[in-house]
């Protein structure tokens, strides 16, 4: 997912990165070679962890998404 964002995202002033066009879970699944159900579960998990926002087919990756766990 981090590579996906790096290729498609636009850096925002707050350090987040926004995918500048609508993207459905099904399209994400096809691009990543997984099922729609699995892609949806991963997106839901990342939203619950407050690492991304996904509303109305729009992805915003928060700055925390880019931090490695080893950076602590």
PDB file of N, CA and C in Angstrom:
ATOM      1  N   UNK A   1       0.828  -1.195   0.000  1.00  0.00           N
ATOM      2  CA  UNK A   1       0.000   0.000   0.000  1.00  0.00           C
ATOM      3  C   UNK A   1       0.868   1.253   0.000  1.00  0.00           C
ATOM      4  N   UNK A   2       1.996   1.242   0.702  1.00  0.00           N
ATOM      5  CA  UNK A   2       2.836   2.434   0.725  1.00  0.00           C
ATOM      6  C   UNK A   2       3.375   2.756  -0.661  1.00  0.00           C
ATOM      7  N   UNK A   3       3.724   1.759  -1.452  1.00  0.00           N
ATOM      8  CA  UNK A   3       4.180   1.995  -2.814  1.00  0.00           C
ATOM      9  C   UNK A   3       3.055   2.573  -3.649  1.00  0.00           C
ATOM     10  N   UNK A   4       1.864   2.049  -3.474  1.00  0.00           N
ATOM     11  CA  UNK A   4       0.680   2.530  -4.176  1.00  0.00           C
ATOM     12  C   UNK A   4       0.505   4.017  -3.927  1.00  0.00           C
ATOM     13  N   UNK A   5       0.597   4.429  -2.704  1.00  0.00           N
ATOM     14  CA  UNK A   5       0.421   5.829  -2.340  1.00  0.00           C
ATOM     15  C   UNK A   5       1.537   6.675  -2.936  1.00  0.00           C
ATOM     16  N   UNK A   6       2.773   6.185  -2.866  1.00  0.00           N
ATOM     17  CA  UNK A   6       3.907   6.966  -3.355  1.00  0.00           C
ATOM     18  C   UNK A   6       3.786   7.251  -4.847  1.00  0.00           C
ATOM     19  N   UNK A   7       3.226   6.327  -5.597  1.00  0.00           N
ATOM     20  CA  UNK A   7       3.075   6.502  -7.035  1.00  0.00           C
ATOM     21  C   UNK A   7       1.899   7.401  -7.398  1.00  0.00           C
ATOM     22  N   UNK A   8       0.865   7.436  -6.576  1.00  0.00           N
ATOM     23  CA  UNK A   8      -0.376   8.103  -6.953  1.00  0.00           C
ATOM     24  C   UNK A   8      -0.743   9.297  -6.089  1.00  0.00           C
ATOM     25  N   UNK A   9      -0.154   9.438  -4.927  1.00  0.00           N
ATOM     26  CA  UNK A   9      -0.582  10.444  -3.975  1.00  0.00           C
ATOM     27  C   UNK A   9      -0.037  11.834  -4.233  1.00  0.00           C
ATOM     28  N   UNK A  10      -0.749  12.826  -3.703  1.00  0.00           N
ATOM     29  CA  UNK A  10      -0.322  14.219  -3.732  1.00  0.00           C
ATOM     30  C   UNK A  10      -0.100  14.662  -2.294  1.00  0.00           C
ATOM     31  N   UNK A  11       1.103  15.119  -1.996  1.00  0.00           N
ATOM     32  CA  UNK A  11       1.443  15.559  -0.649  1.00  0.00           C
ATOM     33  C   UNK A  11       0.621  16.787  -0.281  1.00  0.00           C
ATOM     34  N   UNK A  12       0.055  16.765   0.927  1.00  0.00           N
ATOM     35  CA  UNK A  12      -0.769  17.855   1.437  1.00  0.00           C
ATOM     36  C   UNK A  12       0.042  18.658   2.462  1.00  0.00           C
ATOM     37  N   UNK A  13      -0.343  19.908   2.737  1.00  0.00           N
ATOM     38  CA  UNK A  13       0.404  20.748   3.687  1.00  0.00           C
ATOM     39  C   UNK A  13       0.541  20.138   5.080  1.00  0.00           C
ATOM     40  N   UNK A  14      -0.424  19.313   5.505  1.00  0.00           N
ATOM     41  CA  UNK A  14      -0.358  18.724   6.839  1.00  0.00           C
ATOM     42  C   UNK A  14       0.495  17.457   6.895  1.00  0.00           C
ATOM     43  N   UNK A  15       1.123  17.095   5.770  1.00  0.00           N
ATOM     44  CA  UNK A  15       1.972  15.907   5.743  1.00  0.00           C
ATOM     45  C   UNK A  15       1.248  14.655   5.280  1.00  0.00           C
ATOM     46  N   UNK A  16      -0.052  14.747   5.092  1.00  0.00           N
ATOM     47  CA  UNK A  16      -0.798  13.605   4.577  1.00  0.00           C
ATOM     48  C   UNK A  16      -0.618  13.545   3.061  1.00  0.00           C
ATOM     49  N   UNK A  17      -1.078  12.466   2.488  1.00  0.00           N
ATOM     50  CA  UNK A  17      -0.997  12.302   1.041  1.00  0.00           C
ATOM     51  C   UNK A  17      -2.360  11.846   0.535  1.00  0.00           C
ATOM     52  N   UNK A  18      -2.862  12.545  -0.468  1.00  0.00           N
ATOM     53  CA  UNK A  18      -4.217  12.308  -0.968  1.00  0.00           C
ATOM     54  C   UNK A  18      -4.155  11.738  -2.384  1.00  0.00           C
ATOM     55  N   UNK A  19      -4.931  10.663  -2.615  1.00  0.00           N
ATOM     56  CA  UNK A  19      -5.106  10.160  -3.963  1.00  0.00           C
ATOM     57  C   UNK A  19      -6.094  11.111  -4.639  1.00  0.00           C
ATOM     58  N   UNK A  20      -5.709  11.768  -5.737  1.00  0.00           N
ATOM     59  CA  UNK A  20      -6.509  12.886  -6.261  1.00  0.00           C
ATOM     60  C   UNK A  20      -7.721  12.510  -7.102  1.00  0.00           C
ATOM     61  N   UNK A  21      -8.136  11.267  -7.073  1.00  0.00           N
ATOM     62  CA  UNK A  21      -9.316  10.862  -7.825  1.00  0.00           C
ATOM     63  C   UNK A  21     -10.010   9.723  -7.093  1.00  0.00           C
ATOM     64  N   UNK A  22     -11.287   9.488  -7.385  1.00  0.00           N
ATOM     65  CA  UNK A  22     -12.012   8.420  -6.680  1.00  0.00           C
ATOM     66  C   UNK A  22     -11.457   7.042  -7.027  1.00  0.00           C
ATOM     67  N   UNK A  23     -11.431   6.177  -6.032  1.00  0.00           N
ATOM     68  CA  UNK A  23     -10.911   4.824  -6.205  1.00  0.00           C
ATOM     69  C   UNK A  23     -11.767   3.876  -5.385  1.00  0.00           C
ATOM     70  N   UNK A  24     -12.432   2.956  -6.064  1.00  0.00           N
ATOM     71  CA  UNK A  24     -13.284   1.989  -5.379  1.00  0.00           C
ATOM     72  C   UNK A  24     -12.441   0.854  -4.809  1.00  0.00           C
ATOM     73  N   UNK A  25     -12.964   0.210  -3.794  1.00  0.00           N
ATOM     74  CA  UNK A  25     -12.290  -0.935  -3.177  1.00  0.00           C
ATOM     75  C   UNK A  25     -12.054  -2.019  -4.230  1.00  0.00           C
ATOM     76  N   UNK A  26     -13.015  -2.237  -5.101  1.00  0.00           N
ATOM     77  CA  UNK A  26     -12.863  -3.246  -6.148  1.00  0.00           C
ATOM     78  C   UNK A  26     -11.668  -2.930  -7.054  1.00  0.00           C
ATOM     79  N   UNK A  27     -11.502  -1.663  -7.414  1.00  0.00           N
ATOM     80  CA  UNK A  27     -10.365  -1.262  -8.249  1.00  0.00           C
ATOM     81  C   UNK A  27      -9.037  -1.467  -7.506  1.00  0.00           C
ATOM     82  N   UNK A  28      -9.025  -1.137  -6.232  1.00  0.00           N
ATOM     83  CA  UNK A  28      -7.840  -1.366  -5.409  1.00  0.00           C
ATOM     84  C   UNK A  28      -7.497  -2.853  -5.369  1.00  0.00           C
ATOM     85  N   UNK A  29      -8.503  -3.690  -5.229  1.00  0.00           N
ATOM     86  CA  UNK A  29      -8.296  -5.133  -5.185  1.00  0.00           C
ATOM     87  C   UNK A  29      -7.695  -5.644  -6.488  1.00  0.00           C
ATOM     88  N   UNK A  30      -8.226  -5.197  -7.596  1.00  0.00           N
ATOM     89  CA  UNK A  30      -7.706  -5.627  -8.895  1.00  0.00           C
ATOM     90  C   UNK A  30      -6.255  -5.202  -9.066  1.00  0.00           C
ATOM     91  N   UNK A  31      -5.935  -3.948  -8.709  1.00  0.00           N
ATOM     92  CA  UNK A  31      -4.565  -3.449  -8.846  1.00  0.00           C
ATOM     93  C   UNK A  31      -3.583  -4.173  -7.935  1.00  0.00           C
ATOM     94  N   UNK A  32      -4.061  -4.626  -6.786  1.00  0.00           N
ATOM     95  CA  UNK A  32      -3.168  -5.283  -5.827  1.00  0.00           C
ATOM     96  C   UNK A  32      -3.214  -6.802  -5.926  1.00  0.00           C
ATOM     97  N   UNK A  33      -4.051  -7.328  -6.812  1.00  0.00           N
ATOM     98  CA  UNK A  33      -4.094  -8.769  -7.025  1.00  0.00           C
ATOM     99  C   UNK A  33      -4.725  -9.547  -5.885  1.00  0.00           C
ATOM    100  N   UNK A  34      -5.738  -8.969  -5.267  1.00  0.00           N
ATOM    101  CA  UNK A  34      -6.420  -9.644  -4.165  1.00  0.00           C
ATOM    102  C   UNK A  34      -7.935  -9.546  -4.374  1.00  0.00           C
ATOM    103  N   UNK A  35      -8.679 -10.135  -3.490  1.00  0.00           N
ATOM    104  CA  UNK A  35     -10.133 -10.073  -3.601  1.00  0.00           C
ATOM    105  C   UNK A  35     -10.662  -8.741  -3.062  1.00  0.00           C
ATOM    106  N   UNK A  36     -11.871  -8.392  -3.483  1.00  0.00           N
ATOM    107  CA  UNK A  36     -12.516  -7.185  -2.975  1.00  0.00           C
ATOM    108  C   UNK A  36     -12.707  -7.270  -1.472  1.00  0.00           C
ATOM    109  N   UNK A  37     -13.055  -8.466  -0.988  1.00  0.00           N
ATOM    110  CA  UNK A  37     -13.277  -8.654   0.446  1.00  0.00           C
ATOM    111  C   UNK A  37     -11.996  -8.392   1.244  1.00  0.00           C
ATOM    112  N   UNK A  38     -10.885  -8.933   0.765  1.00  0.00           N
ATOM    113  CA  UNK A  38      -9.608  -8.736   1.472  1.00  0.00           C
ATOM    114  C   UNK A  38      -9.195  -7.271   1.434  1.00  0.00           C
ATOM    115  N   UNK A  39      -9.304  -6.634   0.279  1.00  0.00           N
ATOM    116  CA  UNK A  39      -8.956  -5.219   0.170  1.00  0.00           C
ATOM    117  C   UNK A  39      -9.821  -4.383   1.111  1.00  0.00           C
ATOM    118  N   UNK A  40     -11.109  -4.697   1.170  1.00  0.00           N
ATOM    119  CA  UNK A  40     -12.010  -3.973   2.073  1.00  0.00           C
ATOM    120  C   UNK A  40     -11.643  -4.156   3.533  1.00  0.00           C
ATOM    121  N   UNK A  41     -11.242  -5.363   3.896  1.00  0.00           N
ATOM    122  CA  UNK A  41     -10.838  -5.628   5.282  1.00  0.00           C
ATOM    123  C   UNK A  41      -9.590  -4.834   5.647  1.00  0.00           C
ATOM    124  N   UNK A  42      -8.634  -4.769   4.729  1.00  0.00           N
ATOM    125  CA  UNK A  42      -7.394  -4.024   4.988  1.00  0.00           C
ATOM    126  C   UNK A  42      -7.685  -2.531   5.108  1.00  0.00           C
ATOM    127  N   UNK A  43      -8.503  -2.005   4.214  1.00  0.00           N
ATOM    128  CA  UNK A  43      -8.863  -0.588   4.284  1.00  0.00           C
ATOM    129  C   UNK A  43      -9.575  -0.302   5.603  1.00  0.00           C
ATOM    130  N   UNK A  44     -10.508  -1.149   5.989  1.00  0.00           N
ATOM    131  CA  UNK A  44     -11.225  -0.968   7.254  1.00  0.00           C
ATOM    132  C   UNK A  44     -10.254  -0.972   8.434  1.00  0.00           C
ATOM    133  N   UNK A  45      -9.304  -1.903   8.430  1.00  0.00           N
ATOM    134  CA  UNK A  45      -8.308  -1.981   9.506  1.00  0.00           C
ATOM    135  C   UNK A  45      -7.475  -0.690   9.568  1.00  0.00           C
ATOM    136  N   UNK A  46      -7.012  -0.205   8.416  1.00  0.00           N
ATOM    137  CA  UNK A  46      -6.192   1.010   8.395  1.00  0.00           C
ATOM    138  C   UNK A  46      -6.988   2.229   8.851  1.00  0.00           C
ATOM    139  N   UNK A  47      -8.262   2.296   8.519  1.00  0.00           N
ATOM    140  CA  UNK A  47      -9.128   3.382   8.999  1.00  0.00           C
ATOM    141  C   UNK A  47      -9.277   3.289  10.519  1.00  0.00           C
ATOM    142  N   UNK A  48      -9.520   2.079  11.027  1.00  0.00           N
ATOM    143  CA  UNK A  48      -9.674   1.888  12.478  1.00  0.00           C
ATOM    144  C   UNK A  48      -8.389   2.231  13.229  1.00  0.00           C
ATOM    145  N   UNK A  49      -7.237   2.006  12.605  1.00  0.00           N
ATOM    146  CA  UNK A  49      -5.955   2.342  13.224  1.00  0.00           C
ATOM    147  C   UNK A  49      -5.615   3.826  13.063  1.00  0.00           C
ATOM    148  N   UNK A  50      -6.515   4.576  12.415  1.00  0.00           N
ATOM    149  CA  UNK A  50      -6.351   6.008  12.187  1.00  0.00           C
ATOM    150  C   UNK A  50      -5.118   6.323  11.331  1.00  0.00           C
ATOM    151  N   UNK A  51      -4.821   5.426  10.376  1.00  0.00           N
ATOM    152  CA  UNK A  51      -3.688   5.629   9.480  1.00  0.00           C
ATOM    153  C   UNK A  51      -4.104   6.202   8.138  1.00  0.00           C
ATOM    154  N   UNK A  52      -5.356   5.959   7.751  1.00  0.00           N
ATOM    155  CA  UNK A  52      -5.891   6.516   6.514  1.00  0.00           C
ATOM    156  C   UNK A  52      -7.329   6.961   6.748  1.00  0.00           C
ATOM    157  N   UNK A  53      -7.803   7.820   5.850  1.00  0.00           N
ATOM    158  CA  UNK A  53      -9.221   8.140   5.757  1.00  0.00           C
ATOM    159  C   UNK A  53      -9.696   7.618   4.416  1.00  0.00           C
ATOM    160  N   UNK A  54     -10.897   7.056   4.400  1.00  0.00           N
ATOM    161  CA  UNK A  54     -11.506   6.602   3.147  1.00  0.00           C
ATOM    162  C   UNK A  54     -12.981   6.960   3.200  1.00  0.00           C
ATOM    163  N   UNK A  55     -13.330   7.992   2.435  1.00  0.00           N
ATOM    164  CA  UNK A  55     -14.718   8.450   2.376  1.00  0.00           C
ATOM    165  C   UNK A  55     -15.058   8.801   0.942  1.00  0.00           C
ATOM    166  N   UNK A  56     -16.222   8.358   0.502  1.00  0.00           N
ATOM    167  CA  UNK A  56     -16.714   8.677  -0.840  1.00  0.00           C
ATOM    168  C   UNK A  56     -15.672   8.350  -1.911  1.00  0.00           C
ATOM    169  N   UNK A  57     -15.063   7.179  -1.777  1.00  0.00           N
ATOM    170  CA  UNK A  57     -14.078   6.657  -2.733  1.00  0.00           C
ATOM    171  C   UNK A  57     -12.782   7.461  -2.766  1.00  0.00           C
ATOM    172  N   UNK A  58     -12.505   8.222  -1.730  1.00  0.00           N
ATOM    173  CA  UNK A  58     -11.287   9.047  -1.671  1.00  0.00           C
ATOM    174  C   UNK A  58     -10.387   8.555  -0.544  1.00  0.00           C
ATOM    175  N   UNK A  59      -9.114   8.347  -0.879  1.00  0.00           N
ATOM    176  CA  UNK A  59      -8.121   7.917   0.101  1.00  0.00           C
ATOM    177  C   UNK A  59      -7.256   9.095   0.517  1.00  0.00           C
ATOM    178  N   UNK A  60      -7.032   9.225   1.822  1.00  0.00           N
ATOM    179  CA  UNK A  60      -6.052  10.154   2.367  1.00  0.00           C
ATOM    180  C   UNK A  60      -5.189   9.342   3.328  1.00  0.00           C
ATOM    181  N   UNK A  61      -3.881   9.318   3.056  1.00  0.00           N
ATOM    182  CA  UNK A  61      -2.932   8.614   3.904  1.00  0.00           C
ATOM    183  C   UNK A  61      -2.359   9.614   4.902  1.00  0.00           C
ATOM    184  N   UNK A  62      -2.555   9.359   6.173  1.00  0.00           N
ATOM    185  CA  UNK A  62      -2.088  10.270   7.222  1.00  0.00           C
ATOM    186  C   UNK A  62      -0.575  10.122   7.417  1.00  0.00           C
ATOM    187  N   UNK A  63       0.081  11.155   7.951  1.00  0.00           N
ATOM    188  CA  UNK A  63       1.538  11.091   8.132  1.00  0.00           C
ATOM    189  C   UNK A  63       1.986   9.861   8.926  1.00  0.00           C
ATOM    190  N   UNK A  64       1.181   9.425   9.880  1.00  0.00           N
ATOM    191  CA  UNK A  64       1.536   8.259  10.694  1.00  0.00           C
ATOM    192  C   UNK A  64       1.642   6.985   9.856  1.00  0.00           C
ATOM    193  N   UNK A  65       0.957   6.944   8.733  1.00  0.00           N
ATOM    194  CA  UNK A  65       1.007   5.787   7.861  1.00  0.00           C
ATOM    195  C   UNK A  65       2.425   5.526   7.371  1.00  0.00           C
ATOM    196  N   UNK A  66       3.198   6.605   7.211  1.00  0.00           N
ATOM    197  CA  UNK A  66       4.525   6.509   6.627  1.00  0.00           C
ATOM    198  C   UNK A  66       5.621   6.228   7.650  1.00  0.00           C
ATOM    199  N   UNK A  67       5.283   6.262   8.938  1.00  0.00           N
ATOM    200  CA  UNK A  67       6.276   6.016   9.974  1.00  0.00           C
ATOM    201  C   UNK A  67       6.472   4.513  10.160  1.00  0.00           C
ATOM    202  N   UNK A  68       7.733   4.105  10.204  1.00  0.00           N
ATOM    203  CA  UNK A  68       8.047   2.718  10.493  1.00  0.00           C
ATOM    204  C   UNK A  68       7.914   2.481  11.981  1.00  0.00           C
ATOM    205  N   UNK A  69       7.504   1.273  12.349  1.00  0.00           N
ATOM    206  CA  UNK A  69       7.393   0.927  13.771  1.00  0.00           C
ATOM    207  C   UNK A  69       8.750   1.020  14.468  1.00  0.00           C
ATOM    208  N   UNK A  70       9.833   0.842  13.743  1.00  0.00           N
ATOM    209  CA  UNK A  70      11.174   0.889  14.317  1.00  0.00           C
ATOM    210  C   UNK A  70      11.624   2.317  14.635  1.00  0.00           C
ATOM    211  N   UNK A  71      10.857   3.330  14.182  1.00  0.00           N
ATOM    212  CA  UNK A  71      11.219   4.724  14.426  1.00  0.00           C
ATOM    213  C   UNK A  71      10.988   5.167  15.856  1.00  0.00           C
ATOM    214  N   UNK A  72      10.302   4.353  16.676  1.00  0.00           N
ATOM    215  CA  UNK A  72       9.967   4.740  18.050  1.00  0.00           C
ATOM    216  C   UNK A  72      11.178   4.875  18.934  1.00  0.00           C
TER     217      UNK A  72
END
